[in-house]
PDB file of N, CA and C in Angstrom:
ATOM      1  N   MET A   1     173.923-134.567 -23.475  1.00  0.00           N
ATOM      2  CA  MET A   1     172.729-133.867 -24.013  1.00  0.00           C
ATOM      3  C   MET A   1     173.179-132.297 -24.163  1.00  0.00           C
ATOM      4  N   GLY A   2     173.583-131.784 -23.106  1.00  0.00           N
ATOM      5  CA  GLY A   2     173.888-130.386 -22.980  1.00  0.00           C
ATOM      6  C   GLY A   2     174.974-129.866 -23.999  1.00  0.00           C
ATOM      7  N   LEU A   3     175.912-130.741 -24.275  1.00  0.00           N
ATOM      8  CA  LEU A   3     176.811-130.501 -25.336  1.00  0.00           C
ATOM      9  C   LEU A   3     176.303-130.333 -26.707  1.00  0.00           C
ATOM     10  N   ILE A   4     175.460-131.299 -26.964  1.00  0.00           N
ATOM     11  CA  ILE A   4     174.677-131.171 -28.331  1.00  0.00           C
ATOM     12  C   ILE A   4     173.864-130.004 -28.374  1.00  0.00           C
ATOM     13  N   LEU A   5     173.059-129.752 -27.346  1.00  0.00           N
ATOM     14  CA  LEU A   5     172.152-128.438 -27.420  1.00  0.00           C
ATOM     15  C   LEU A   5     172.993-127.173 -27.595  1.00  0.00           C
ATOM     16  N   SER A   6     174.279-127.265 -26.877  1.00  0.00           N
ATOM     17  CA  SER A   6     175.096-126.134 -26.933  1.00  0.00           C
ATOM     18  C   SER A   6     175.753-125.981 -28.463  1.00  0.00           C
ATOM     19  N   ILE A   7     176.145-126.913 -28.997  1.00  0.00           N
ATOM     20  CA  ILE A   7     176.492-127.017 -30.460  1.00  0.00           C
ATOM     21  C   ILE A   7     175.392-126.396 -31.339  1.00  0.00           C
ATOM     22  N   LEU A   8     174.163-127.058 -31.050  1.00  0.00           N
ATOM     23  CA  LEU A   8     173.076-126.649 -31.902  1.00  0.00           C
ATOM     24  C   LEU A   8     172.777-125.062 -31.754  1.00  0.00           C
ATOM     25  N   THR A   9     172.988-124.660 -30.580  1.00  0.00           N
ATOM     26  CA  THR A   9     172.761-123.152 -30.393  1.00  0.00           C
ATOM     27  C   THR A   9     173.857-122.273 -31.095  1.00  0.00           C
ATOM     28  N   GLY A  10     174.961-122.823 -31.157  1.00  0.00           N
ATOM     29  CA  GLY A  10     176.082-121.976 -31.779  1.00  0.00           C
ATOM     30  C   GLY A  10     175.829-122.074 -33.281  1.00  0.00           C
ATOM     31  N   VAL A  11     175.310-123.298 -33.786  1.00  0.00           N
ATOM     32  CA  VAL A  11     175.198-123.376 -35.303  1.00  0.00           C
ATOM     33  C   VAL A  11     173.865-122.687 -35.713  1.00  0.00           C
ATOM     34  N   LEU A  12     172.814-122.438 -34.937  1.00  0.00           N
ATOM     35  CA  LEU A  12     171.812-121.530 -35.162  1.00  0.00           C
ATOM     36  C   LEU A  12     172.108-120.239 -35.187  1.00  0.00           C
ATOM     37  N   TYR A  13     172.855-119.771 -34.220  1.00  0.00           N
ATOM     38  CA  TYR A  13     173.420-118.456 -33.987  1.00  0.00           C
ATOM     39  C   TYR A  13     174.291-117.990 -35.324  1.00  0.00           C
ATOM     40  N   ALA A  14     175.113-118.960 -35.790  1.00  0.00           N
ATOM     41  CA  ALA A  14     175.846-118.687 -36.883  1.00  0.00           C
ATOM     42  C   ALA A  14     175.064-118.556 -38.156  1.00  0.00           C
ATOM     43  N   ALA A  15     174.166-119.544 -38.330  1.00  0.00           N
ATOM     44  CA  ALA A  15     173.193-119.397 -39.611  1.00  0.00           C
ATOM     45  C   ALA A  15     172.293-118.099 -39.596  1.00  0.00           C
ATOM     46  N   ALA A  16     171.864-117.776 -38.314  1.00  0.00           N
ATOM     47  CA  ALA A  16     171.092-116.538 -38.266  1.00  0.00           C
ATOM     48  C   ALA A  16     171.886-115.261 -38.605  1.00  0.00           C
ATOM     49  N   ILE A  17     173.145-115.142 -38.204  1.00  0.00           N
ATOM     50  CA  ILE A  17     173.961-114.123 -38.372  1.00  0.00           C
ATOM     51  C   ILE A  17     174.277-114.043 -39.981  1.00  0.00           C
ATOM     52  N   TYR A  18     174.637-115.149 -40.610  1.00  0.00           N
ATOM     53  CA  TYR A  18     174.951-115.208 -42.015  1.00  0.00           C
ATOM     54  C   TYR A  18     173.474-114.782 -42.863  1.00  0.00           C
ATOM     55  N   LEU A  19     172.341-115.368 -42.421  1.00  0.00           N
ATOM     56  CA  LEU A  19     171.195-114.995 -43.147  1.00  0.00           C
ATOM     57  C   LEU A  19     170.858-113.548 -43.070  1.00  0.00           C
ATOM     58  N   LEU A  20     171.015-112.914 -41.772  1.00  0.00           N
ATOM     59  CA  LEU A  20     170.750-111.581 -41.489  1.00  0.00           C
ATOM     60  C   LEU A  20     171.526-110.659 -42.345  1.00  0.00           C
ATOM     61  N   LEU A  21     172.785-111.131 -42.700  1.00  0.00           N
ATOM     62  CA  LEU A  21     173.708-110.180 -43.612  1.00  0.00           C
ATOM     63  C   LEU A  21     173.418-110.358 -45.089  1.00  0.00           C
ATOM     64  N   ARG A  22     172.503-111.193 -45.478  1.00  0.00           N
ATOM     65  CA  ARG A  22     172.298-111.325 -46.853  1.00  0.00           C
ATOM     66  C   ARG A  22     171.319-110.179 -47.460  1.00  0.00           C
ATOM     67  N   ARG A  23     171.280-110.031 -48.767  1.00  0.00           N
ATOM     68  CA  ARG A  23     170.643-108.898 -49.249  1.00  0.00           C
ATOM     69  C   ARG A  23     169.065-109.082 -49.481  1.00  0.00           C
ATOM     70  N   SER A  24     168.740-110.412 -49.544  1.00  0.00           N
ATOM     71  CA  SER A  24     167.223-110.693 -49.808  1.00  0.00           C
ATOM     72  C   SER A  24     166.607-110.513 -48.385  1.00  0.00           C
ATOM     73  N   ILE A  25     165.300-109.964 -48.562  1.00  0.00           N
ATOM     74  CA  ILE A  25     164.419-109.793 -47.351  1.00  0.00           C
ATOM     75  C   ILE A  25     163.932-111.115 -46.805  1.00  0.00           C
ATOM     76  N   VAL A  26     163.666-112.061 -47.689  1.00  0.00           N
ATOM     77  CA  VAL A  26     163.324-113.314 -47.303  1.00  0.00           C
ATOM     78  C   VAL A  26     164.272-114.050 -46.528  1.00  0.00           C
ATOM     79  N   LYS A  27     165.490-113.974 -46.763  1.00  0.00           N
ATOM     80  CA  LYS A  27     166.614-114.566 -46.139  1.00  0.00           C
ATOM     81  C   LYS A  27     166.809-113.798 -44.760  1.00  0.00           C
ATOM     82  N   MET A  28     166.591-112.478 -44.699  1.00  0.00           N
ATOM     83  CA  MET A  28     166.590-111.691 -43.536  1.00  0.00           C
ATOM     84  C   MET A  28     165.580-112.282 -42.477  1.00  0.00           C
ATOM     85  N   ILE A  29     164.433-112.493 -43.015  1.00  0.00           N
ATOM     86  CA  ILE A  29     163.290-113.022 -42.087  1.00  0.00           C
ATOM     87  C   ILE A  29     163.639-114.410 -41.705  1.00  0.00           C
ATOM     88  N   LEU A  30     164.142-115.294 -42.561  1.00  0.00           N
ATOM     89  CA  LEU A  30     164.757-116.475 -41.988  1.00  0.00           C
ATOM     90  C   LEU A  30     165.679-116.413 -40.929  1.00  0.00           C
ATOM     91  N   GLY A  31     166.720-115.485 -41.059  1.00  0.00           N
ATOM     92  CA  GLY A  31     167.721-115.205 -40.085  1.00  0.00           C
ATOM     93  C   GLY A  31     167.042-114.890 -38.656  1.00  0.00           C
ATOM     94  N   ILE A  32     165.904-114.011 -38.709  1.00  0.00           N
ATOM     95  CA  ILE A  32     165.315-113.670 -37.574  1.00  0.00           C
ATOM     96  C   ILE A  32     164.739-114.832 -36.834  1.00  0.00           C
ATOM     97  N   ILE A  33     164.142-115.623 -37.689  1.00  0.00           N
ATOM     98  CA  ILE A  33     163.498-116.878 -37.206  1.00  0.00           C
ATOM     99  C   ILE A  33     164.502-117.773 -36.504  1.00  0.00           C
ATOM    100  N   PHE A  34     165.849-117.941 -37.146  1.00  0.00           N
ATOM    101  CA  PHE A  34     166.797-118.815 -36.595  1.00  0.00           C
ATOM    102  C   PHE A  34     167.250-118.120 -35.266  1.00  0.00           C
ATOM    103  N   LEU A  35     167.450-116.857 -35.172  1.00  0.00           N
ATOM    104  CA  LEU A  35     167.714-116.018 -34.086  1.00  0.00           C
ATOM    105  C   LEU A  35     166.896-116.275 -32.842  1.00  0.00           C
ATOM    106  N   GLY A  36     165.762-116.317 -33.081  1.00  0.00           N
ATOM    107  CA  GLY A  36     164.640-116.457 -32.180  1.00  0.00           C
ATOM    108  C   GLY A  36     164.788-117.930 -31.435  1.00  0.00           C
ATOM    109  N   ASN A  37     164.906-118.733 -32.242  1.00  0.00           N
ATOM    110  CA  ASN A  37     165.056-120.217 -31.981  1.00  0.00           C
ATOM    111  C   ASN A  37     166.318-120.491 -31.278  1.00  0.00           C
ATOM    112  N   ALA A  38     167.532-119.787 -31.715  1.00  0.00           N
ATOM    113  CA  ALA A  38     168.804-120.029 -30.955  1.00  0.00           C
ATOM    114  C   ALA A  38     168.570-119.607 -29.630  1.00  0.00           C
ATOM    115  N   THR A  39     167.975-118.351 -29.405  1.00  0.00           N
ATOM    116  CA  THR A  39     167.853-117.830 -28.095  1.00  0.00           C
ATOM    117  C   THR A  39     166.943-118.563 -27.129  1.00  0.00           C
ATOM    118  N   ASN A  40     165.898-119.205 -27.754  1.00  0.00           N
ATOM    119  CA  ASN A  40     165.064-120.162 -26.957  1.00  0.00           C
ATOM    120  C   ASN A  40     165.902-121.284 -26.600  1.00  0.00           C
ATOM    121  N   VAL A  41     166.704-122.039 -27.349  1.00  0.00           N
ATOM    122  CA  VAL A  41     167.503-123.022 -26.980  1.00  0.00           C
ATOM    123  C   VAL A  41     168.466-122.676 -25.955  1.00  0.00           C
ATOM    124  N   LEU A  42     169.159-121.455 -25.987  1.00  0.00           N
ATOM    125  CA  LEU A  42     170.085-120.985 -25.001  1.00  0.00           C
ATOM    126  C   LEU A  42     169.439-120.830 -23.700  1.00  0.00           C
ATOM    127  N   VAL A  43     168.178-120.326 -23.709  1.00  0.00           N
ATOM    128  CA  VAL A  43     167.646-120.157 -22.426  1.00  0.00           C
ATOM    129  C   VAL A  43     167.229-121.522 -21.800  1.00  0.00           C
ATOM    130  N   PHE A  44     166.764-122.311 -22.722  1.00  0.00           N
ATOM    131  CA  PHE A  44     166.509-123.733 -22.231  1.00  0.00           C
ATOM    132  C   PHE A  44     167.712-124.393 -21.697  1.00  0.00           C
ATOM    133  N   VAL A  45     168.824-124.371 -22.303  1.00  0.00           N
ATOM    134  CA  VAL A  45     170.061-124.975 -21.806  1.00  0.00           C
ATOM    135  C   VAL A  45     170.608-124.243 -20.561  1.00  0.00           C
ATOM    136  N   SER A  46     170.526-122.950 -20.423  1.00  0.00           N
ATOM    137  CA  SER A  46     170.949-122.342 -19.366  1.00  0.00           C
ATOM    138  C   SER A  46     170.084-122.541 -18.103  1.00  0.00           C
ATOM    139  N   GLY A  47     168.810-123.012 -18.311  1.00  0.00           N
ATOM    140  CA  GLY A  47     168.015-123.196 -17.127  1.00  0.00           C
ATOM    141  C   GLY A  47     168.372-124.726 -16.529  1.00  0.00           C
ATOM    142  N   GLY A  48     169.196-125.408 -17.171  1.00  0.00           N
ATOM    143  CA  GLY A  48     169.624-126.705 -16.718  1.00  0.00           C
ATOM    144  C   GLY A  48     168.740-127.969 -17.170  1.00  0.00           C
ATOM    145  N   LEU A  49     169.352-128.901 -17.531  1.00  0.00           N
ATOM    146  CA  LEU A  49     168.546-130.161 -18.052  1.00  0.00           C
ATOM    147  C   LEU A  49     168.579-130.949 -16.742  1.00  0.00           C
ATOM    148  N   THR A  50     167.393-131.326 -16.261  1.00  0.00           N
ATOM    149  CA  THR A  50     167.287-132.313 -15.220  1.00  0.00           C
ATOM    150  C   THR A  50     166.076-133.085 -15.360  1.00  0.00           C
ATOM    151  N   LYS A  51     166.425-134.413 -14.966  1.00  0.00           N
ATOM    152  CA  LYS A  51     165.450-135.426 -15.003  1.00  0.00           C
ATOM    153  C   LYS A  51     164.640-135.432 -13.501  1.00  0.00           C
ATOM    154  N   ALA A  52     163.832-134.469 -13.476  1.00  0.00           N
ATOM    155  CA  ALA A  52     163.181-134.359 -12.162  1.00  0.00           C
ATOM    156  C   ALA A  52     161.690-134.239 -12.179  1.00  0.00           C
ATOM    157  N   SER A  53     161.101-134.215 -11.154  1.00  0.00           N
ATOM    158  CA  SER A  53     159.562-134.224 -11.115  1.00  0.00           C
ATOM    159  C   SER A  53     159.056-132.790 -11.402  1.00  0.00           C
ATOM    160  N   PRO A  54     157.794-132.808 -11.784  1.00  0.00           N
ATOM    161  CA  PRO A  54     157.226-131.384 -12.118  1.00  0.00           C
ATOM    162  C   PRO A  54     157.091-130.571 -10.911  1.00  0.00           C
ATOM    163  N   ALA A  55     156.931-129.319 -11.171  1.00  0.00           N
ATOM    164  CA  ALA A  55     156.981-128.332 -10.047  1.00  0.00           C
ATOM    165  C   ALA A  55     155.599-128.212  -9.262  1.00  0.00           C
ATOM    166  N   PHE A  56     155.180-129.396  -8.697  1.00  0.00           N
ATOM    167  CA  PHE A  56     153.867-129.336  -8.103  1.00  0.00           C
ATOM    168  C   PHE A  56     154.149-129.927  -6.740  1.00  0.00           C
ATOM    169  N   ILE A  57     153.271-129.521  -5.733  1.00  0.00           N
ATOM    170  CA  ILE A  57     153.258-129.871  -4.483  1.00  0.00           C
ATOM    171  C   ILE A  57     152.243-130.929  -4.287  1.00  0.00           C
ATOM    172  N   ALA A  58     152.478-132.047  -4.057  1.00  0.00           N
ATOM    173  CA  ALA A  58     151.566-133.154  -3.744  1.00  0.00           C
ATOM    174  C   ALA A  58     150.477-132.930  -2.524  1.00  0.00           C
ATOM    175  N   GLU A  59     149.400-133.470  -2.709  1.00  0.00           N
ATOM    176  CA  GLU A  59     148.302-133.083  -1.640  1.00  0.00           C
ATOM    177  C   GLU A  59     148.843-133.689  -0.256  1.00  0.00           C
ATOM    178  N   GLY A  60     148.759-132.929   0.533  1.00  0.00           N
ATOM    179  CA  GLY A  60     149.144-133.325   1.919  1.00  0.00           C
ATOM    180  C   GLY A  60     150.466-132.920   2.241  1.00  0.00           C
ATOM    181  N   GLN A  61     151.251-132.405   1.420  1.00  0.00           N
ATOM    182  CA  GLN A  61     152.596-131.965   1.744  1.00  0.00           C
ATOM    183  C   GLN A  61     152.558-130.442   1.903  1.00  0.00           C
ATOM    184  N   GLN A  62     153.649-130.072   2.608  1.00  0.00           N
ATOM    185  CA  GLN A  62     153.775-128.732   2.975  1.00  0.00           C
ATOM    186  C   GLN A  62     154.789-128.015   2.051  1.00  0.00           C
ATOM    187  N   VAL A  63     155.856-128.736   1.651  1.00  0.00           N
ATOM    188  CA  VAL A  63     156.948-128.351   0.794  1.00  0.00           C
ATOM    189  C   VAL A  63     157.117-129.161  -0.330  1.00  0.00           C
ATOM    190  N   ALA A  64     157.721-128.722  -1.418  1.00  0.00           N
ATOM    191  CA  ALA A  64     157.789-129.429  -2.557  1.00  0.00           C
ATOM    192  C   ALA A  64     158.831-130.524  -2.471  1.00  0.00           C
ATOM    193  N   ALA A  65     158.973-131.494  -3.361  1.00  0.00           N
ATOM    194  CA  ALA A  65     160.008-132.494  -3.319  1.00  0.00           C
ATOM    195  C   ALA A  65     161.323-131.926  -3.366  1.00  0.00           C
ATOM    196  N   GLU A  66     162.223-132.845  -3.231  1.00  0.00           N
ATOM    197  CA  GLU A  66     163.675-132.511  -3.152  1.00  0.00           C
ATOM    198  C   GLU A  66     164.154-132.082  -4.557  1.00  0.00           C
ATOM    199  N   HIS A  67     163.856-132.723  -5.590  1.00  0.00           N
ATOM    200  CA  HIS A  67     164.211-132.563  -6.965  1.00  0.00           C
ATOM    201  C   HIS A  67     163.093-132.140  -7.922  1.00  0.00           C
ATOM    202  N   ILE A  68     162.903-130.883  -7.955  1.00  0.00           N
ATOM    203  CA  ILE A  68     161.903-130.399  -9.038  1.00  0.00           C
ATOM    204  C   ILE A  68     162.435-129.780 -10.116  1.00  0.00           C
ATOM    205  N   ALA A  69     161.718-129.775 -11.212  1.00  0.00           N
ATOM    206  CA  ALA A  69     162.264-128.975 -12.321  1.00  0.00           C
ATOM    207  C   ALA A  69     161.839-127.544 -12.190  1.00  0.00           C
ATOM    208  N   ASP A  70     162.784-126.675 -12.643  1.00  0.00           N
ATOM    209  CA  ASP A  70     162.461-125.223 -12.532  1.00  0.00           C
ATOM    210  C   ASP A  70     161.642-124.787 -13.640  1.00  0.00           C
ATOM    211  N   PRO A  71     160.335-124.107 -13.288  1.00  0.00           N
ATOM    212  CA  PRO A  71     159.460-123.724 -14.439  1.00  0.00           C
ATOM    213  C   PRO A  71     159.767-122.453 -15.057  1.00  0.00           C
ATOM    214  N   LEU A  72     160.743-121.501 -14.383  1.00  0.00           N
ATOM    215  CA  LEU A  72     161.029-120.215 -15.065  1.00  0.00           C
ATOM    216  C   LEU A  72     161.585-120.237 -16.253  1.00  0.00           C
ATOM    217  N   PRO A  73     162.592-121.084 -16.806  1.00  0.00           N
ATOM    218  CA  PRO A  73     162.967-121.161 -18.238  1.00  0.00           C
ATOM    219  C   PRO A  73     161.985-121.575 -18.978  1.00  0.00           C
ATOM    220  N   GLN A  74     161.134-122.363 -18.693  1.00  0.00           N
ATOM    221  CA  GLN A  74     160.023-122.824 -19.477  1.00  0.00           C
ATOM    222  C   GLN A  74     159.049-121.624 -19.823  1.00  0.00           C
ATOM    223  N   ALA A  75     158.716-120.969 -18.846  1.00  0.00           N
ATOM    224  CA  ALA A  75     157.915-119.804 -18.946  1.00  0.00           C
ATOM    225  C   ALA A  75     158.552-118.753 -19.848  1.00  0.00           C
ATOM    226  N   LEU A  76     159.785-118.593 -19.542  1.00  0.00           N
ATOM    227  CA  LEU A  76     160.315-117.472 -20.494  1.00  0.00           C
ATOM    228  C   LEU A  76     160.293-117.997 -21.867  1.00  0.00           C
ATOM    229  N   ILE A  77     160.659-119.198 -22.175  1.00  0.00           N
ATOM    230  CA  ILE A  77     160.629-119.741 -23.584  1.00  0.00           C
ATOM    231  C   ILE A  77     159.372-119.562 -24.151  1.00  0.00           C
ATOM    232  N   LEU A  78     158.288-119.849 -23.517  1.00  0.00           N
ATOM    233  CA  LEU A  78     156.859-119.781 -23.900  1.00  0.00           C
ATOM    234  C   LEU A  78     156.543-118.234 -24.276  1.00  0.00           C
ATOM    235  N   THR A  79     156.958-117.376 -23.453  1.00  0.00           N
ATOM    236  CA  THR A  79     156.795-115.998 -23.752  1.00  0.00           C
ATOM    237  C   THR A  79     157.605-115.525 -24.803  1.00  0.00           C
ATOM    238  N   ALA A  80     158.811-116.047 -24.997  1.00  0.00           N
ATOM    239  CA  ALA A  80     159.668-115.825 -26.214  1.00  0.00           C
ATOM    240  C   ALA A  80     159.250-116.164 -27.640  1.00  0.00           C
ATOM    241  N   ILE A  81     158.506-117.499 -27.635  1.00  0.00           N
ATOM    242  CA  ILE A  81     157.839-117.970 -28.681  1.00  0.00           C
ATOM    243  C   ILE A  81     156.788-117.143 -29.261  1.00  0.00           C
ATOM    244  N   VAL A  82     155.811-116.565 -28.305  1.00  0.00           N
ATOM    245  CA  VAL A  82     154.778-115.789 -28.641  1.00  0.00           C
ATOM    246  C   VAL A  82     155.296-114.403 -29.239  1.00  0.00           C
ATOM    247  N   ILE A  83     156.184-113.900 -28.619  1.00  0.00           N
ATOM    248  CA  ILE A  83     156.863-112.535 -29.076  1.00  0.00           C
ATOM    249  C   ILE A  83     157.435-112.837 -30.388  1.00  0.00           C
ATOM    250  N   SER A  84     158.172-113.885 -30.784  1.00  0.00           N
ATOM    251  CA  SER A  84     158.860-113.980 -31.879  1.00  0.00           C
ATOM    252  C   SER A  84     157.961-114.335 -33.026  1.00  0.00           C
ATOM    253  N   PHE A  85     156.981-114.941 -32.694  1.00  0.00           N
ATOM    254  CA  PHE A  85     155.733-115.131 -33.610  1.00  0.00           C
ATOM    255  C   PHE A  85     155.099-113.879 -34.107  1.00  0.00           C
ATOM    256  N   GLY A  86     154.889-112.834 -33.147  1.00  0.00           N
ATOM    257  CA  GLY A  86     154.500-111.515 -33.459  1.00  0.00           C
ATOM    258  C   GLY A  86     155.417-110.841 -34.275  1.00  0.00           C
ATOM    259  N   ILE A  87     156.715-110.826 -34.101  1.00  0.00           N
ATOM    260  CA  ILE A  87     157.731-110.149 -34.774  1.00  0.00           C
ATOM    261  C   ILE A  87     157.906-110.719 -36.295  1.00  0.00           C
ATOM    262  N   ILE A  88     157.634-111.989 -36.366  1.00  0.00           N
ATOM    263  CA  ILE A  88     157.775-112.746 -37.533  1.00  0.00           C
ATOM    264  C   ILE A  88     156.541-112.446 -38.535  1.00  0.00           C
ATOM    265  N   ALA A  89     155.381-112.353 -37.887  1.00  0.00           N
ATOM    266  CA  ALA A  89     154.119-111.914 -38.563  1.00  0.00           C
ATOM    267  C   ALA A  89     154.217-110.656 -39.096  1.00  0.00           C
ATOM    268  N   PHE A  90     154.748-109.656 -38.168  1.00  0.00           N
ATOM    269  CA  PHE A  90     154.977-108.245 -38.695  1.00  0.00           C
ATOM    270  C   PHE A  90     155.976-108.063 -39.821  1.00  0.00           C
ATOM    271  N   SER A  91     157.060-108.791 -39.664  1.00  0.00           N
ATOM    272  CA  SER A  91     158.117-108.928 -40.856  1.00  0.00           C
ATOM    273  C   SER A  91     157.532-109.353 -42.007  1.00  0.00           C
ATOM    274  N   LEU A  92     156.756-110.349 -42.062  1.00  0.00           N
ATOM    275  CA  LEU A  92     156.204-110.944 -43.248  1.00  0.00           C
ATOM    276  C   LEU A  92     155.249-109.945 -43.772  1.00  0.00           C
ATOM    277  N   ALA A  93     154.433-109.299 -43.001  1.00  0.00           N
ATOM    278  CA  ALA A  93     153.552-108.197 -43.624  1.00  0.00           C
ATOM    279  C   ALA A  93     154.458-107.182 -44.197  1.00  0.00           C
ATOM    280  N   LEU A  94     155.544-106.610 -43.551  1.00  0.00           N
ATOM    281  CA  LEU A  94     156.266-105.640 -44.232  1.00  0.00           C
ATOM    282  C   LEU A  94     157.079-106.093 -45.438  1.00  0.00           C
ATOM    283  N   MET A  95     157.461-107.360 -45.492  1.00  0.00           N
ATOM    284  CA  MET A  95     158.026-107.805 -46.731  1.00  0.00           C
ATOM    285  C   MET A  95     157.033-107.893 -47.854  1.00  0.00           C
ATOM    286  N   TYR A  96     155.820-108.286 -47.420  1.00  0.00           N
ATOM    287  CA  TYR A  96     154.817-108.480 -48.582  1.00  0.00           C
ATOM    288  C   TYR A  96     154.510-106.987 -49.087  1.00  0.00           C
ATOM    289  N   ARG A  97     154.369-105.988 -48.257  1.00  0.00           N
ATOM    290  CA  ARG A  97     154.229-104.549 -48.817  1.00  0.00           C
ATOM    291  C   ARG A  97     155.373-104.073 -49.581  1.00  0.00           C
ATOM    292  N   PHE A  98     156.568-104.347 -49.157  1.00  0.00           N
ATOM    293  CA  PHE A  98     157.729-103.833 -49.783  1.00  0.00           C
ATOM    294  C   PHE A  98     157.808-104.566 -51.228  1.00  0.00           C
ATOM    295  N   TYR A  99     157.489-105.893 -51.386  1.00  0.00           N
ATOM    296  CA  TYR A  99     157.387-106.546 -52.611  1.00  0.00           C
ATOM    297  C   TYR A  99     156.424-105.849 -53.466  1.00  0.00           C
ATOM    298  N   LYS A 100     155.261-105.575 -52.957  1.00  0.00           N
ATOM    299  CA  LYS A 100     154.192-105.158 -53.664  1.00  0.00           C
ATOM    300  C   LYS A 100     154.547-103.701 -54.358  1.00  0.00           C
ATOM    301  N   ILE A 101     155.214-102.916 -53.498  1.00  0.00           N
ATOM    302  CA  ILE A 101     155.610-101.627 -54.018  1.00  0.00           C
ATOM    303  C   ILE A 101     156.793-101.779 -55.116  1.00  0.00           C
ATOM    304  N   THR A 102     157.696-102.574 -54.676  1.00  0.00           N
ATOM    305  CA  THR A 102     159.025-102.471 -55.440  1.00  0.00           C
ATOM    306  C   THR A 102     159.106-103.510 -56.514  1.00  0.00           C
ATOM    307  N   GLY A 103     158.410-104.688 -56.381  1.00  0.00           N
ATOM    308  CA  GLY A 103     158.375-105.796 -57.160  1.00  0.00           C
ATOM    309  C   GLY A 103     159.581-106.638 -57.105  1.00  0.00           C
ATOM    310  N   THR A 104     160.442-106.476 -56.042  1.00  0.00           N
ATOM    311  CA  THR A 104     161.636-107.253 -55.968  1.00  0.00           C
ATOM    312  C   THR A 104     161.950-107.509 -54.309  1.00  0.00           C
ATOM    313  N   ASP A 105     162.596-108.526 -53.984  1.00  0.00           N
ATOM    314  CA  ASP A 105     162.846-108.762 -52.516  1.00  0.00           C
ATOM    315  C   ASP A 105     164.318-108.454 -52.312  1.00  0.00           C
ATOM    316  N   ASP A 106     165.100-108.133 -53.336  1.00  0.00           N
ATOM    317  CA  ASP A 106     166.625-107.789 -53.274  1.00  0.00           C
ATOM    318  C   ASP A 106     166.723-106.460 -53.078  1.00  0.00           C
ATOM    319  N   LEU A 107     167.399-106.047 -51.992  1.00  0.00           N
ATOM    320  CA  LEU A 107     167.659-104.641 -51.581  1.00  0.00           C
ATOM    321  C   LEU A 107     168.529-103.904 -52.422  1.00  0.00           C
ATOM    322  N   ASP A 108     169.427-104.583 -53.275  1.00  0.00           N
ATOM    323  CA  ASP A 108     170.233-103.952 -54.237  1.00  0.00           C
ATOM    324  C   ASP A 108     169.584-103.473 -55.506  1.00  0.00           C
ATOM    325  N   ASP A 109     168.513-104.165 -55.894  1.00  0.00           N
ATOM    326  CA  ASP A 109     167.658-103.997 -57.020  1.00  0.00           C
ATOM    327  C   ASP A 109     166.828-102.570 -56.895  1.00  0.00           C
ATOM    328  N   VAL A 110     166.643-102.121 -55.602  1.00  0.00           N
ATOM    329  CA  VAL A 110     165.901-100.983 -55.544  1.00  0.00           C
ATOM    330  C   VAL A 110     166.586 -99.616 -55.830  1.00  0.00           C
ATOM    331  N   THR A 111     165.917 -98.972 -56.693  1.00  0.00           N
ATOM    332  CA  THR A 111     166.425 -97.715 -57.238  1.00  0.00           C
ATOM    333  C   THR A 111     165.892 -96.563 -56.482  1.00  0.00           C
ATOM    334  N   GLU A 112     166.539 -95.352 -56.605  1.00  0.00           N
ATOM    335  CA  GLU A 112     165.953 -94.226 -55.883  1.00  0.00           C
ATOM    336  C   GLU A 112     164.698 -93.783 -56.187  1.00  0.00           C
ATOM    337  N   GLU A 113     164.063 -94.169 -57.369  1.00  0.00           N
ATOM    338  CA  GLU A 113     162.847 -93.755 -57.794  1.00  0.00           C
ATOM    339  C   GLU A 113     161.695 -94.689 -56.999  1.00  0.00           C
ATOM    340  N   ASP A 114     162.043 -95.937 -56.538  1.00  0.00           N
ATOM    341  CA  ASP A 114     161.387 -96.883 -55.839  1.00  0.00           C
ATOM    342  C   ASP A 114     161.180 -96.367 -54.412  1.00  0.00           C
ATOM    343  N   GLU A 115     162.212 -95.735 -53.953  1.00  0.00           N
ATOM    344  CA  GLU A 115     162.123 -95.364 -52.468  1.00  0.00           C
ATOM    345  C   GLU A 115     161.188 -94.314 -52.235  1.00  0.00           C
ATOM    346  N   VAL A 116     160.303 -94.621 -51.232  1.00  0.00           N
ATOM    347  CA  VAL A 116     159.290 -93.591 -50.925  1.00  0.00           C
ATOM    348  C   VAL A 116     159.460 -93.007 -49.565  1.00  0.00           C
TER     349      VAL A 116
END
């Protein structure tokens, strides 16, 4: 399972870099989305995949069970999802404003008169 997720992470990073290097703003935003998802999968895989119990201490025990899941990578991924959602919303707003002013989403079609 770890090998499949590692390959998926590499494919997502490759697709993100490819899309970020394109001239279209829509493809650039898709590249940002892929980059965020690839980073989330990378953090998830680096946290370790274990079939363990949740990180709770049962009632009446003083210490946790022997094999518990690490909640830190899950919390980091949840935070990264919220941050990437904000970045994507901001990027979409910028793209909409850029398209409204220039009438195109291709960066090569923008002339010097269109630049403000």
